[in-house]
Amino acid sequence: MLIEQIMNTTCITMQPTNSIAHAVELMQRHQIRHVLVVNARHELVGLVGLKEIQSASSIFHPDTAKQDLQYPVSSIMIESPVTAHPLDFLEDAAVLFYEYRLTCLPIVRGRRLVGIVTETDLLRTFVQLTGALEPSSQIEIRVENTAGTLAKIAALLAKTNINILNVLVYPTDDPYVRIVAFRVQTMNPIRIIEKLRKEGFDVLGPDVSR
């Protein structure tokens, strides 16, 4: 999946010369945590979030706080924030969120701002990709990390006439072993689990004996 498929193209923006107070007003009005800062050519030049505003507010003197909020947002914004391209893969965006501890990711084409992805957008998309929002069951199987294993399991599941919604493969401490998680479109996976075990597969869960 590409970033352009999940990004929000309606971005709340402001100019570098706009005040910090204006950033606060935009966040309150739109119930957001970040405002993107662009120049007259709609090129991204910075990012300001609640964290930057709270950090700045903490050093304002109580007697001059209102005046201090009139400083330009350029005085507190993050310059040259981490960005991505709309044709980057979703997994690449997830790596950026993880490595840089991001809460949002501006999306640019060249330097021109074209969208934004937030941590909520990313989490919602991954939940949707797992199929967890649909009536379904997840079956986890311990398998050898060899070619053709997934195909064998998929062929076996095909014989049950139950649709596979999603497949995830997890590493283990043993490089020769993987955990394969199939999400299948049934609320009663007992028949599938019995068939898998009959064929010698090590089914870890769910525990249908409870």
N, C-alpha and C. Protein backbone atom coordinates (compact mmCIF):
# COMPACT_ATOMS: atom_id res chain seq x y z
N MET A 1 0.84 -1.19 0.00
CA MET A 1 0.00 0.00 0.00
C MET A 1 0.88 1.24 0.00
N LEU A 2 0.47 2.24 -0.79
CA LEU A 2 1.23 3.48 -0.89
C LEU A 2 0.69 4.53 0.08
N ILE A 3 1.56 5.44 0.47
CA ILE A 3 1.17 6.50 1.40
C ILE A 3 0.03 7.34 0.84
N GLU A 4 0.03 7.58 -0.48
CA GLU A 4 -1.01 8.42 -1.06
C GLU A 4 -2.41 7.83 -0.87
N GLN A 5 -2.49 6.53 -0.58
CA GLN A 5 -3.78 5.89 -0.39
C GLN A 5 -4.37 6.15 0.99
N ILE A 6 -3.56 6.58 1.94
CA ILE A 6 -4.08 6.81 3.29
C ILE A 6 -3.88 8.25 3.77
N MET A 7 -3.08 9.04 3.06
CA MET A 7 -2.77 10.38 3.55
C MET A 7 -3.98 11.29 3.47
N ASN A 8 -4.01 12.26 4.36
CA ASN A 8 -5.05 13.29 4.36
C ASN A 8 -4.55 14.46 3.53
N THR A 9 -5.26 14.78 2.47
CA THR A 9 -4.81 15.85 1.57
C THR A 9 -5.33 17.22 2.01
N THR A 10 -6.21 17.24 3.01
CA THR A 10 -6.69 18.51 3.55
C THR A 10 -5.81 18.87 4.75
N CYS A 11 -4.82 19.69 4.51
CA CYS A 11 -3.85 20.04 5.55
C CYS A 11 -4.15 21.42 6.12
N ILE A 12 -4.07 21.53 7.42
CA ILE A 12 -4.20 22.83 8.08
C ILE A 12 -2.82 23.47 8.10
N THR A 13 -2.70 24.62 7.46
CA THR A 13 -1.38 25.25 7.31
C THR A 13 -1.41 26.70 7.80
N MET A 14 -0.21 27.23 7.95
CA MET A 14 -0.05 28.64 8.30
C MET A 14 1.28 29.12 7.75
N GLN A 15 1.47 30.43 7.76
CA GLN A 15 2.69 31.04 7.26
C GLN A 15 3.70 31.19 8.41
N PRO A 16 4.99 31.21 8.11
CA PRO A 16 6.01 31.34 9.17
C PRO A 16 5.86 32.63 9.98
N THR A 17 5.30 33.66 9.36
CA THR A 17 5.17 34.95 10.05
C THR A 17 3.92 35.03 10.92
N ASN A 18 3.02 34.05 10.78
CA ASN A 18 1.83 34.03 11.64
C ASN A 18 2.25 33.80 13.09
N SER A 19 1.42 34.22 14.00
CA SER A 19 1.78 34.16 15.42
C SER A 19 1.58 32.77 16.02
N ILE A 20 2.24 32.56 17.14
CA ILE A 20 2.04 31.33 17.91
C ILE A 20 0.58 31.23 18.34
N ALA A 21 -0.01 32.36 18.69
CA ALA A 21 -1.42 32.39 19.09
C ALA A 21 -2.31 31.87 17.97
N HIS A 22 -1.95 32.18 16.73
CA HIS A 22 -2.74 31.70 15.58
C HIS A 22 -2.64 30.18 15.47
N ALA A 23 -1.46 29.64 15.74
CA ALA A 23 -1.29 28.18 15.73
C ALA A 23 -2.18 27.53 16.78
N VAL A 24 -2.21 28.13 17.96
CA VAL A 24 -3.07 27.61 19.04
C VAL A 24 -4.53 27.65 18.62
N GLU A 25 -4.93 28.75 18.01
CA GLU A 25 -6.33 28.91 17.58
C GLU A 25 -6.70 27.87 16.52
N LEU A 26 -5.78 27.60 15.59
CA LEU A 26 -6.04 26.59 14.55
C LEU A 26 -6.19 25.20 15.16
N MET A 27 -5.33 24.88 16.12
CA MET A 27 -5.40 23.57 16.76
C MET A 27 -6.72 23.39 17.51
N GLN A 28 -7.14 24.43 18.21
CA GLN A 28 -8.38 24.34 18.97
C GLN A 28 -9.59 24.26 18.03
N ARG A 29 -9.57 25.05 16.97
CA ARG A 29 -10.71 25.09 16.06
C ARG A 29 -10.89 23.77 15.31
N HIS A 30 -9.77 23.18 14.88
CA HIS A 30 -9.84 21.96 14.07
C HIS A 30 -9.60 20.69 14.88
N GLN A 31 -9.36 20.86 16.19
CA GLN A 31 -9.11 19.72 17.09
C GLN A 31 -7.98 18.84 16.56
N ILE A 32 -6.85 19.48 16.32
CA ILE A 32 -5.66 18.80 15.81
C ILE A 32 -4.48 19.08 16.73
N ARG A 33 -3.40 18.33 16.53
CA ARG A 33 -2.22 18.49 17.38
C ARG A 33 -1.02 19.06 16.63
N HIS A 34 -1.17 19.25 15.31
CA HIS A 34 -0.05 19.74 14.51
C HIS A 34 -0.56 20.74 13.47
N VAL A 35 0.26 21.73 13.19
CA VAL A 35 -0.02 22.66 12.09
C VAL A 35 1.23 22.70 11.22
N LEU A 36 1.03 22.57 9.93
CA LEU A 36 2.15 22.59 8.98
C LEU A 36 2.40 24.03 8.54
N VAL A 37 3.67 24.38 8.46
CA VAL A 37 4.05 25.75 8.11
C VAL A 37 4.58 25.75 6.68
N VAL A 38 3.98 26.57 5.84
CA VAL A 38 4.35 26.62 4.43
C VAL A 38 4.65 28.06 4.01
N ASN A 39 5.39 28.19 2.91
CA ASN A 39 5.65 29.53 2.37
C ASN A 39 4.59 29.87 1.31
N ALA A 40 4.79 30.97 0.61
CA ALA A 40 3.80 31.43 -0.37
C ALA A 40 3.64 30.45 -1.53
N ARG A 41 4.64 29.60 -1.77
CA ARG A 41 4.57 28.61 -2.86
C ARG A 41 4.03 27.27 -2.36
N HIS A 42 3.51 27.25 -1.15
CA HIS A 42 2.97 26.05 -0.51
C HIS A 42 4.05 24.98 -0.34
N GLU A 43 5.27 25.43 -0.15
CA GLU A 43 6.37 24.53 0.14
C GLU A 43 6.51 24.40 1.66
N LEU A 44 6.73 23.19 2.11
CA LEU A 44 6.85 22.95 3.55
C LEU A 44 8.14 23.55 4.09
N VAL A 45 8.02 24.37 5.12
CA VAL A 45 9.21 24.97 5.73
C VAL A 45 9.31 24.63 7.22
N GLY A 46 8.24 24.07 7.78
CA GLY A 46 8.31 23.74 9.20
C GLY A 46 7.05 23.04 9.69
N LEU A 47 7.10 22.71 10.97
CA LEU A 47 6.00 22.01 11.62
C LEU A 47 5.95 22.47 13.07
N VAL A 48 4.75 22.76 13.54
CA VAL A 48 4.59 23.12 14.95
C VAL A 48 3.48 22.25 15.54
N GLY A 49 3.77 21.71 16.72
CA GLY A 49 2.80 20.86 17.40
C GLY A 49 2.56 21.33 18.82
N LEU A 50 1.69 20.62 19.51
CA LEU A 50 1.40 20.96 20.90
C LEU A 50 2.67 20.95 21.75
N LYS A 51 3.56 20.00 21.45
CA LYS A 51 4.79 19.89 22.23
C LYS A 51 5.62 21.17 22.14
N GLU A 52 5.75 21.71 20.93
CA GLU A 52 6.54 22.94 20.75
C GLU A 52 5.87 24.12 21.44
N ILE A 53 4.54 24.19 21.35
CA ILE A 53 3.82 25.29 21.98
C ILE A 53 3.91 25.20 23.50
N GLN A 54 3.77 23.99 24.03
CA GLN A 54 3.86 23.81 25.48
C GLN A 54 5.27 24.12 25.99
N SER A 55 6.28 23.72 25.21
CA SER A 55 7.66 24.01 25.61
C SER A 55 7.92 25.51 25.62
N ALA A 56 7.40 26.19 24.60
CA ALA A 56 7.58 27.65 24.53
C ALA A 56 6.82 28.33 25.66
N SER A 57 5.60 27.88 25.92
CA SER A 57 4.77 28.50 26.95
C SER A 57 5.39 28.37 28.34
N SER A 58 6.14 27.27 28.54
CA SER A 58 6.71 27.03 29.86
C SER A 58 7.77 28.06 30.25
N ILE A 59 8.34 28.74 29.24
CA ILE A 59 9.38 29.74 29.55
C ILE A 59 8.85 31.17 29.44
N PHE A 60 7.56 31.29 29.07
CA PHE A 60 6.96 32.62 29.02
C PHE A 60 6.79 33.15 30.44
N HIS A 61 7.05 34.42 30.61
CA HIS A 61 6.80 35.04 31.92
C HIS A 61 5.30 35.29 32.05
N PRO A 62 4.71 34.99 33.21
CA PRO A 62 3.26 35.18 33.39
C PRO A 62 2.79 36.57 33.02
N ASP A 63 3.62 37.57 33.26
CA ASP A 63 3.20 38.94 33.00
C ASP A 63 3.22 39.29 31.51
N THR A 64 3.94 38.48 30.72
CA THR A 64 4.08 38.81 29.29
C THR A 64 3.61 37.67 28.39
N ALA A 65 2.89 36.70 28.95
CA ALA A 65 2.50 35.51 28.18
C ALA A 65 1.69 35.87 26.94
N LYS A 66 0.74 36.79 27.09
CA LYS A 66 -0.10 37.16 25.94
C LYS A 66 0.72 37.79 24.83
N GLN A 67 1.66 38.64 25.23
CA GLN A 67 2.53 39.26 24.23
C GLN A 67 3.45 38.23 23.58
N ASP A 68 3.94 37.29 24.39
CA ASP A 68 4.85 36.27 23.86
C ASP A 68 4.17 35.40 22.81
N LEU A 69 2.87 35.19 22.96
CA LEU A 69 2.12 34.39 21.99
C LEU A 69 2.02 35.07 20.64
N GLN A 70 2.40 36.33 20.58
CA GLN A 70 2.37 37.05 19.31
C GLN A 70 3.68 36.90 18.53
N TYR A 71 4.66 36.21 19.12
CA TYR A 71 5.88 35.93 18.37
C TYR A 71 5.54 35.08 17.15
N PRO A 72 6.31 35.19 16.07
CA PRO A 72 6.02 34.37 14.88
C PRO A 72 6.24 32.89 15.17
N VAL A 73 5.44 32.06 14.55
CA VAL A 73 5.54 30.63 14.78
C VAL A 73 6.90 30.09 14.32
N SER A 74 7.56 30.82 13.44
CA SER A 74 8.89 30.40 12.98
C SER A 74 9.90 30.35 14.12
N SER A 75 9.60 31.06 15.22
CA SER A 75 10.53 31.09 16.35
C SER A 75 10.50 29.80 17.16
N ILE A 76 9.47 28.98 16.99
CA ILE A 76 9.39 27.74 17.77
C ILE A 76 9.19 26.50 16.90
N MET A 77 8.94 26.66 15.61
CA MET A 77 8.61 25.51 14.75
C MET A 77 9.82 24.60 14.54
N ILE A 78 9.53 23.36 14.19
CA ILE A 78 10.57 22.41 13.79
C ILE A 78 10.90 22.69 12.33
N GLU A 79 12.12 23.09 12.06
CA GLU A 79 12.53 23.35 10.69
C GLU A 79 12.99 22.04 10.03
N SER A 80 12.72 21.91 8.75
CA SER A 80 13.10 20.71 7.98
C SER A 80 12.63 19.43 8.68
N PRO A 81 11.32 19.30 8.92
CA PRO A 81 10.83 18.08 9.57
C PRO A 81 11.00 16.85 8.68
N VAL A 82 10.94 15.69 9.29
CA VAL A 82 11.00 14.43 8.54
C VAL A 82 9.78 14.35 7.63
N THR A 83 9.99 13.97 6.37
CA THR A 83 8.89 13.91 5.40
C THR A 83 8.94 12.59 4.63
N ALA A 84 7.90 12.36 3.85
CA ALA A 84 7.85 11.21 2.96
C ALA A 84 7.21 11.64 1.65
N HIS A 85 7.33 10.77 0.64
CA HIS A 85 6.75 11.02 -0.68
C HIS A 85 5.46 10.22 -0.79
N PRO A 86 4.46 10.73 -1.51
CA PRO A 86 3.19 9.99 -1.62
C PRO A 86 3.31 8.60 -2.23
N LEU A 87 4.38 8.34 -2.99
CA LEU A 87 4.55 7.03 -3.61
C LEU A 87 5.45 6.10 -2.79
N ASP A 88 5.85 6.55 -1.59
CA ASP A 88 6.55 5.65 -0.67
C ASP A 88 5.57 4.61 -0.14
N PHE A 89 6.10 3.47 0.28
CA PHE A 89 5.25 2.43 0.83
C PHE A 89 4.86 2.75 2.27
N LEU A 90 3.71 2.23 2.67
CA LEU A 90 3.22 2.43 4.03
C LEU A 90 4.22 1.93 5.06
N GLU A 91 4.87 0.80 4.77
CA GLU A 91 5.86 0.26 5.70
C GLU A 91 7.02 1.23 5.91
N ASP A 92 7.40 1.96 4.84
CA ASP A 92 8.48 2.95 4.97
C ASP A 92 8.07 4.07 5.92
N ALA A 93 6.81 4.48 5.83
CA ALA A 93 6.30 5.50 6.74
C ALA A 93 6.33 5.00 8.18
N ALA A 94 5.94 3.73 8.37
CA ALA A 94 5.92 3.15 9.71
C ALA A 94 7.33 3.14 10.32
N VAL A 95 8.33 2.85 9.50
CA VAL A 95 9.72 2.85 9.98
C VAL A 95 10.11 4.26 10.43
N LEU A 96 9.72 5.28 9.67
CA LEU A 96 10.03 6.66 10.05
C LEU A 96 9.36 7.03 11.37
N PHE A 97 8.09 6.65 11.53
CA PHE A 97 7.39 6.92 12.79
C PHE A 97 8.13 6.27 13.95
N TYR A 98 8.58 5.04 13.75
CA TYR A 98 9.25 4.29 14.82
C TYR A 98 10.63 4.86 15.12
N GLU A 99 11.43 5.10 14.08
CA GLU A 99 12.82 5.52 14.29
C GLU A 99 12.92 6.93 14.85
N TYR A 100 12.02 7.83 14.40
CA TYR A 100 12.10 9.23 14.82
C TYR A 100 11.06 9.59 15.88
N ARG A 101 10.28 8.59 16.32
CA ARG A 101 9.24 8.81 17.33
C ARG A 101 8.29 9.94 16.91
N LEU A 102 7.82 9.84 15.69
CA LEU A 102 6.96 10.87 15.12
C LEU A 102 5.52 10.72 15.60
N THR A 103 4.80 11.81 15.58
CA THR A 103 3.36 11.77 15.79
C THR A 103 2.61 12.17 14.52
N CYS A 104 3.35 12.74 13.57
CA CYS A 104 2.77 13.01 12.25
C CYS A 104 3.88 13.04 11.22
N LEU A 105 3.50 12.85 9.96
CA LEU A 105 4.48 12.80 8.88
C LEU A 105 3.96 13.62 7.70
N PRO A 106 4.54 14.79 7.44
CA PRO A 106 4.14 15.57 6.27
C PRO A 106 4.54 14.84 4.98
N ILE A 107 3.69 14.91 3.98
CA ILE A 107 3.95 14.25 2.70
C ILE A 107 4.20 15.34 1.65
N VAL A 108 5.34 15.25 0.98
CA VAL A 108 5.71 16.29 0.02
C VAL A 108 6.05 15.67 -1.33
N ARG A 109 5.83 16.46 -2.35
CA ARG A 109 6.26 16.11 -3.70
C ARG A 109 7.23 17.21 -4.11
N GLY A 110 8.53 16.88 -4.15
CA GLY A 110 9.53 17.93 -4.22
C GLY A 110 9.59 18.57 -2.85
N ARG A 111 9.31 19.86 -2.78
CA ARG A 111 9.17 20.52 -1.47
C ARG A 111 7.72 20.91 -1.21
N ARG A 112 6.87 20.72 -2.20
CA ARG A 112 5.48 21.15 -2.09
C ARG A 112 4.68 20.19 -1.22
N LEU A 113 3.96 20.73 -0.26
CA LEU A 113 3.15 19.94 0.65
C LEU A 113 1.92 19.39 -0.08
N VAL A 114 1.71 18.08 0.02
CA VAL A 114 0.55 17.47 -0.64
C VAL A 114 -0.33 16.67 0.32
N GLY A 115 0.14 16.45 1.56
CA GLY A 115 -0.68 15.68 2.49
C GLY A 115 0.00 15.50 3.83
N ILE A 116 -0.68 14.77 4.70
CA ILE A 116 -0.14 14.47 6.02
C ILE A 116 -0.67 13.11 6.47
N VAL A 117 0.16 12.38 7.19
CA VAL A 117 -0.24 11.11 7.82
C VAL A 117 0.04 11.24 9.31
N THR A 118 -0.94 10.94 10.13
CA THR A 118 -0.74 10.98 11.58
C THR A 118 -0.58 9.56 12.11
N GLU A 119 -0.15 9.46 13.36
CA GLU A 119 0.00 8.14 13.96
C GLU A 119 -1.34 7.42 14.04
N THR A 120 -2.43 8.18 14.18
CA THR A 120 -3.77 7.57 14.20
C THR A 120 -4.11 6.99 12.83
N ASP A 121 -3.78 7.72 11.76
CA ASP A 121 -4.01 7.21 10.40
C ASP A 121 -3.26 5.90 10.19
N LEU A 122 -2.02 5.87 10.65
CA LEU A 122 -1.17 4.70 10.46
C LEU A 122 -1.72 3.50 11.22
N LEU A 123 -2.08 3.72 12.48
CA LEU A 123 -2.59 2.62 13.30
C LEU A 123 -3.92 2.10 12.75
N ARG A 124 -4.81 3.02 12.35
CA ARG A 124 -6.10 2.60 11.80
C ARG A 124 -5.91 1.75 10.54
N THR A 125 -4.96 2.16 9.69
CA THR A 125 -4.72 1.42 8.46
C THR A 125 -4.17 0.03 8.73
N PHE A 126 -3.24 -0.09 9.68
CA PHE A 126 -2.69 -1.40 10.00
C PHE A 126 -3.75 -2.32 10.60
N VAL A 127 -4.64 -1.76 11.41
CA VAL A 127 -5.73 -2.57 11.97
C VAL A 127 -6.64 -3.06 10.84
N GLN A 128 -6.93 -2.18 9.89
CA GLN A 128 -7.76 -2.57 8.75
C GLN A 128 -7.07 -3.64 7.91
N LEU A 129 -5.76 -3.50 7.72
CA LEU A 129 -5.02 -4.47 6.91
C LEU A 129 -5.00 -5.85 7.54
N THR A 130 -5.03 -5.92 8.86
CA THR A 130 -5.03 -7.22 9.52
C THR A 130 -6.37 -7.93 9.40
N GLY A 131 -7.42 -7.17 9.05
CA GLY A 131 -8.75 -7.77 8.97
C GLY A 131 -9.42 -7.90 10.32
N ALA A 132 -8.82 -7.32 11.36
CA ALA A 132 -9.33 -7.50 12.72
C ALA A 132 -10.70 -6.85 12.93
N LEU A 133 -11.08 -5.92 12.05
CA LEU A 133 -12.37 -5.24 12.21
C LEU A 133 -13.53 -6.06 11.64
N GLU A 134 -13.20 -7.12 10.90
CA GLU A 134 -14.24 -7.96 10.31
C GLU A 134 -14.50 -9.18 11.19
N PRO A 135 -15.72 -9.74 11.13
CA PRO A 135 -15.99 -10.99 11.86
C PRO A 135 -15.04 -12.08 11.35
N SER A 136 -14.17 -12.54 12.20
CA SER A 136 -13.12 -13.46 11.73
C SER A 136 -12.44 -14.12 12.92
N SER A 137 -11.52 -15.03 12.60
CA SER A 137 -10.70 -15.70 13.62
C SER A 137 -9.26 -15.70 13.15
N GLN A 138 -8.34 -15.67 14.11
CA GLN A 138 -6.92 -15.76 13.77
C GLN A 138 -6.37 -17.10 14.22
N ILE A 139 -5.64 -17.75 13.33
CA ILE A 139 -5.03 -19.04 13.63
C ILE A 139 -3.52 -18.88 13.50
N GLU A 140 -2.79 -19.22 14.56
CA GLU A 140 -1.34 -19.11 14.54
C GLU A 140 -0.71 -20.50 14.47
N ILE A 141 0.28 -20.62 13.57
CA ILE A 141 0.90 -21.91 13.30
C ILE A 141 2.42 -21.74 13.34
N ARG A 142 3.10 -22.63 14.06
CA ARG A 142 4.56 -22.63 14.06
C ARG A 142 5.03 -23.50 12.89
N VAL A 143 5.86 -22.90 12.01
CA VAL A 143 6.29 -23.62 10.81
C VAL A 143 7.79 -23.48 10.61
N GLU A 144 8.35 -24.38 9.82
CA GLU A 144 9.75 -24.25 9.41
C GLU A 144 9.85 -23.16 8.35
N ASN A 145 10.93 -22.41 8.41
CA ASN A 145 11.14 -21.29 7.49
C ASN A 145 11.70 -21.81 6.16
N THR A 146 10.82 -22.49 5.41
CA THR A 146 11.23 -23.08 4.14
C THR A 146 10.26 -22.67 3.04
N ALA A 147 10.76 -22.66 1.82
CA ALA A 147 9.93 -22.29 0.67
C ALA A 147 8.78 -23.27 0.50
N GLY A 148 7.61 -22.73 0.19
CA GLY A 148 6.45 -23.57 -0.10
C GLY A 148 5.55 -23.84 1.08
N THR A 149 5.99 -23.48 2.30
CA THR A 149 5.17 -23.77 3.48
C THR A 149 3.85 -23.02 3.45
N LEU A 150 3.91 -21.72 3.14
CA LEU A 150 2.68 -20.92 3.08
C LEU A 150 1.72 -21.47 2.04
N ALA A 151 2.27 -21.88 0.90
CA ALA A 151 1.43 -22.41 -0.18
C ALA A 151 0.71 -23.67 0.26
N LYS A 152 1.39 -24.52 1.03
CA LYS A 152 0.77 -25.76 1.51
C LYS A 152 -0.40 -25.46 2.44
N ILE A 153 -0.19 -24.49 3.35
CA ILE A 153 -1.25 -24.15 4.29
C ILE A 153 -2.42 -23.50 3.55
N ALA A 154 -2.11 -22.60 2.62
CA ALA A 154 -3.17 -21.92 1.86
C ALA A 154 -3.98 -22.93 1.06
N ALA A 155 -3.32 -23.91 0.47
CA ALA A 155 -4.02 -24.94 -0.30
C ALA A 155 -4.95 -25.76 0.59
N LEU A 156 -4.47 -26.03 1.80
CA LEU A 156 -5.29 -26.79 2.74
C LEU A 156 -6.52 -25.99 3.17
N LEU A 157 -6.31 -24.69 3.42
CA LEU A 157 -7.43 -23.83 3.82
C LEU A 157 -8.43 -23.67 2.67
N ALA A 158 -7.93 -23.66 1.44
CA ALA A 158 -8.81 -23.52 0.28
C ALA A 158 -9.82 -24.66 0.21
N LYS A 159 -9.41 -25.84 0.66
CA LYS A 159 -10.30 -27.00 0.63
C LYS A 159 -11.46 -26.88 1.62
N THR A 160 -11.33 -25.96 2.59
CA THR A 160 -12.40 -25.77 3.57
C THR A 160 -13.42 -24.73 3.09
N ASN A 161 -13.11 -24.09 1.94
CA ASN A 161 -14.00 -23.05 1.38
C ASN A 161 -14.18 -21.86 2.32
N ILE A 162 -13.15 -21.58 3.11
CA ILE A 162 -13.17 -20.42 4.00
C ILE A 162 -12.13 -19.42 3.52
N ASN A 163 -12.54 -18.17 3.39
CA ASN A 163 -11.68 -17.14 2.82
C ASN A 163 -10.59 -16.70 3.79
N ILE A 164 -9.38 -16.48 3.26
CA ILE A 164 -8.28 -15.93 4.04
C ILE A 164 -8.30 -14.41 3.90
N LEU A 165 -8.41 -13.71 5.02
CA LEU A 165 -8.45 -12.24 5.00
C LEU A 165 -7.07 -11.62 5.06
N ASN A 166 -6.16 -12.29 5.76
CA ASN A 166 -4.85 -11.69 5.99
C ASN A 166 -3.86 -12.76 6.42
N VAL A 167 -2.59 -12.55 6.07
CA VAL A 167 -1.52 -13.45 6.51
C VAL A 167 -0.38 -12.61 7.05
N LEU A 168 0.06 -12.89 8.27
CA LEU A 168 1.21 -12.23 8.86
C LEU A 168 2.24 -13.30 9.25
N VAL A 169 3.51 -12.96 9.08
CA VAL A 169 4.58 -13.90 9.43
C VAL A 169 5.48 -13.22 10.46
N TYR A 170 5.62 -13.87 11.62
CA TYR A 170 6.42 -13.31 12.71
C TYR A 170 7.73 -14.08 12.86
N PRO A 171 8.82 -13.40 13.17
CA PRO A 171 10.08 -14.10 13.45
C PRO A 171 10.05 -14.73 14.83
N THR A 172 10.94 -15.66 15.07
CA THR A 172 11.12 -16.25 16.40
C THR A 172 12.61 -16.18 16.74
N ASP A 173 12.96 -16.67 17.91
CA ASP A 173 14.38 -16.70 18.30
C ASP A 173 15.18 -17.65 17.42
N ASP A 174 14.48 -18.60 16.82
CA ASP A 174 15.12 -19.57 15.93
C ASP A 174 14.98 -19.07 14.48
N PRO A 175 16.09 -18.78 13.79
CA PRO A 175 16.00 -18.26 12.42
C PRO A 175 15.38 -19.24 11.43
N TYR A 176 15.26 -20.50 11.83
CA TYR A 176 14.69 -21.51 10.94
C TYR A 176 13.20 -21.76 11.22
N VAL A 177 12.65 -20.97 12.14
CA VAL A 177 11.24 -21.16 12.51
C VAL A 177 10.51 -19.82 12.44
N ARG A 178 9.29 -19.86 11.94
CA ARG A 178 8.44 -18.68 11.88
C ARG A 178 7.06 -19.00 12.47
N ILE A 179 6.38 -17.95 12.91
CA ILE A 179 4.99 -18.07 13.33
C ILE A 179 4.15 -17.43 12.23
N VAL A 180 3.25 -18.21 11.65
CA VAL A 180 2.37 -17.71 10.60
C VAL A 180 0.98 -17.51 11.20
N ALA A 181 0.45 -16.31 11.04
CA ALA A 181 -0.88 -16.00 11.57
C ALA A 181 -1.83 -15.77 10.39
N PHE A 182 -2.79 -16.66 10.26
CA PHE A 182 -3.83 -16.53 9.23
C PHE A 182 -5.09 -15.97 9.87
N ARG A 183 -5.65 -14.91 9.29
CA ARG A 183 -6.97 -14.45 9.72
C ARG A 183 -7.97 -14.94 8.69
N VAL A 184 -8.91 -15.75 9.16
CA VAL A 184 -9.87 -16.40 8.26
C VAL A 184 -11.28 -15.91 8.53
N GLN A 185 -12.10 -15.94 7.49
CA GLN A 185 -13.43 -15.35 7.56
C GLN A 185 -14.45 -16.34 8.14
N THR A 186 -14.24 -16.66 9.40
CA THR A 186 -15.18 -17.50 10.13
C THR A 186 -15.02 -17.23 11.61
N MET A 187 -16.12 -17.34 12.34
CA MET A 187 -16.06 -17.16 13.79
C MET A 187 -15.85 -18.50 14.50
N ASN A 188 -15.87 -19.58 13.73
CA ASN A 188 -15.69 -20.91 14.32
C ASN A 188 -14.59 -21.65 13.55
N PRO A 189 -13.35 -21.52 13.99
CA PRO A 189 -12.22 -22.11 13.25
C PRO A 189 -11.91 -23.55 13.63
N ILE A 190 -12.77 -24.19 14.42
CA ILE A 190 -12.46 -25.53 14.94
C ILE A 190 -12.17 -26.52 13.81
N ARG A 191 -13.01 -26.51 12.77
CA ARG A 191 -12.84 -27.46 11.68
C ARG A 191 -11.50 -27.25 10.97
N ILE A 192 -11.11 -25.99 10.80
CA ILE A 192 -9.84 -25.69 10.14
C ILE A 192 -8.67 -26.15 11.00
N ILE A 193 -8.75 -25.88 12.30
CA ILE A 193 -7.66 -26.26 13.21
C ILE A 193 -7.49 -27.77 13.24
N GLU A 194 -8.60 -28.49 13.28
CA GLU A 194 -8.53 -29.95 13.29
C GLU A 194 -7.88 -30.47 12.01
N LYS A 195 -8.22 -29.87 10.88
CA LYS A 195 -7.65 -30.31 9.61
C LYS A 195 -6.15 -30.01 9.56
N LEU A 196 -5.75 -28.85 10.06
CA LEU A 196 -4.33 -28.49 10.07
C LEU A 196 -3.53 -29.44 10.95
N ARG A 197 -4.06 -29.74 12.12
CA ARG A 197 -3.35 -30.64 13.04
C ARG A 197 -3.29 -32.06 12.47
N LYS A 198 -4.34 -32.45 11.79
CA LYS A 198 -4.35 -33.78 11.17
C LYS A 198 -3.26 -33.90 10.12
N GLU A 199 -2.94 -32.77 9.47
CA GLU A 199 -1.89 -32.77 8.45
C GLU A 199 -0.51 -32.54 9.05
N GLY A 200 -0.44 -32.47 10.38
CA GLY A 200 0.85 -32.38 11.05
C GLY A 200 1.34 -30.98 11.37
N PHE A 201 0.49 -29.97 11.18
CA PHE A 201 0.91 -28.60 11.48
C PHE A 201 0.78 -28.31 12.97
N ASP A 202 1.73 -27.53 13.49
CA ASP A 202 1.78 -27.18 14.91
C ASP A 202 0.95 -25.91 15.13
N VAL A 203 -0.33 -26.08 15.42
CA VAL A 203 -1.23 -24.95 15.62
C VAL A 203 -1.10 -24.46 17.06
N LEU A 204 -0.74 -23.19 17.21
CA LEU A 204 -0.52 -22.61 18.54
C LEU A 204 -1.80 -22.05 19.14
N GLY A 205 -2.68 -21.57 18.31
CA GLY A 205 -3.91 -20.97 18.82
C GLY A 205 -4.84 -20.62 17.69
N PRO A 206 -6.11 -20.37 18.04
CA PRO A 206 -6.64 -20.28 19.40
C PRO A 206 -6.83 -21.64 20.05
N ASP A 207 -6.95 -21.62 21.38
CA ASP A 207 -7.18 -22.84 22.14
C ASP A 207 -8.68 -23.14 22.10
N VAL A 208 -9.08 -24.07 21.25
CA VAL A 208 -10.51 -24.37 21.07
C VAL A 208 -11.03 -25.34 22.12
N SER A 209 -10.15 -25.77 23.03
CA SER A 209 -10.59 -26.72 24.06
C SER A 209 -11.25 -26.02 25.23
N ARG A 210 -11.08 -24.67 25.32
CA ARG A 210 -11.65 -23.94 26.46
C ARG A 210 -13.14 -23.74 26.29
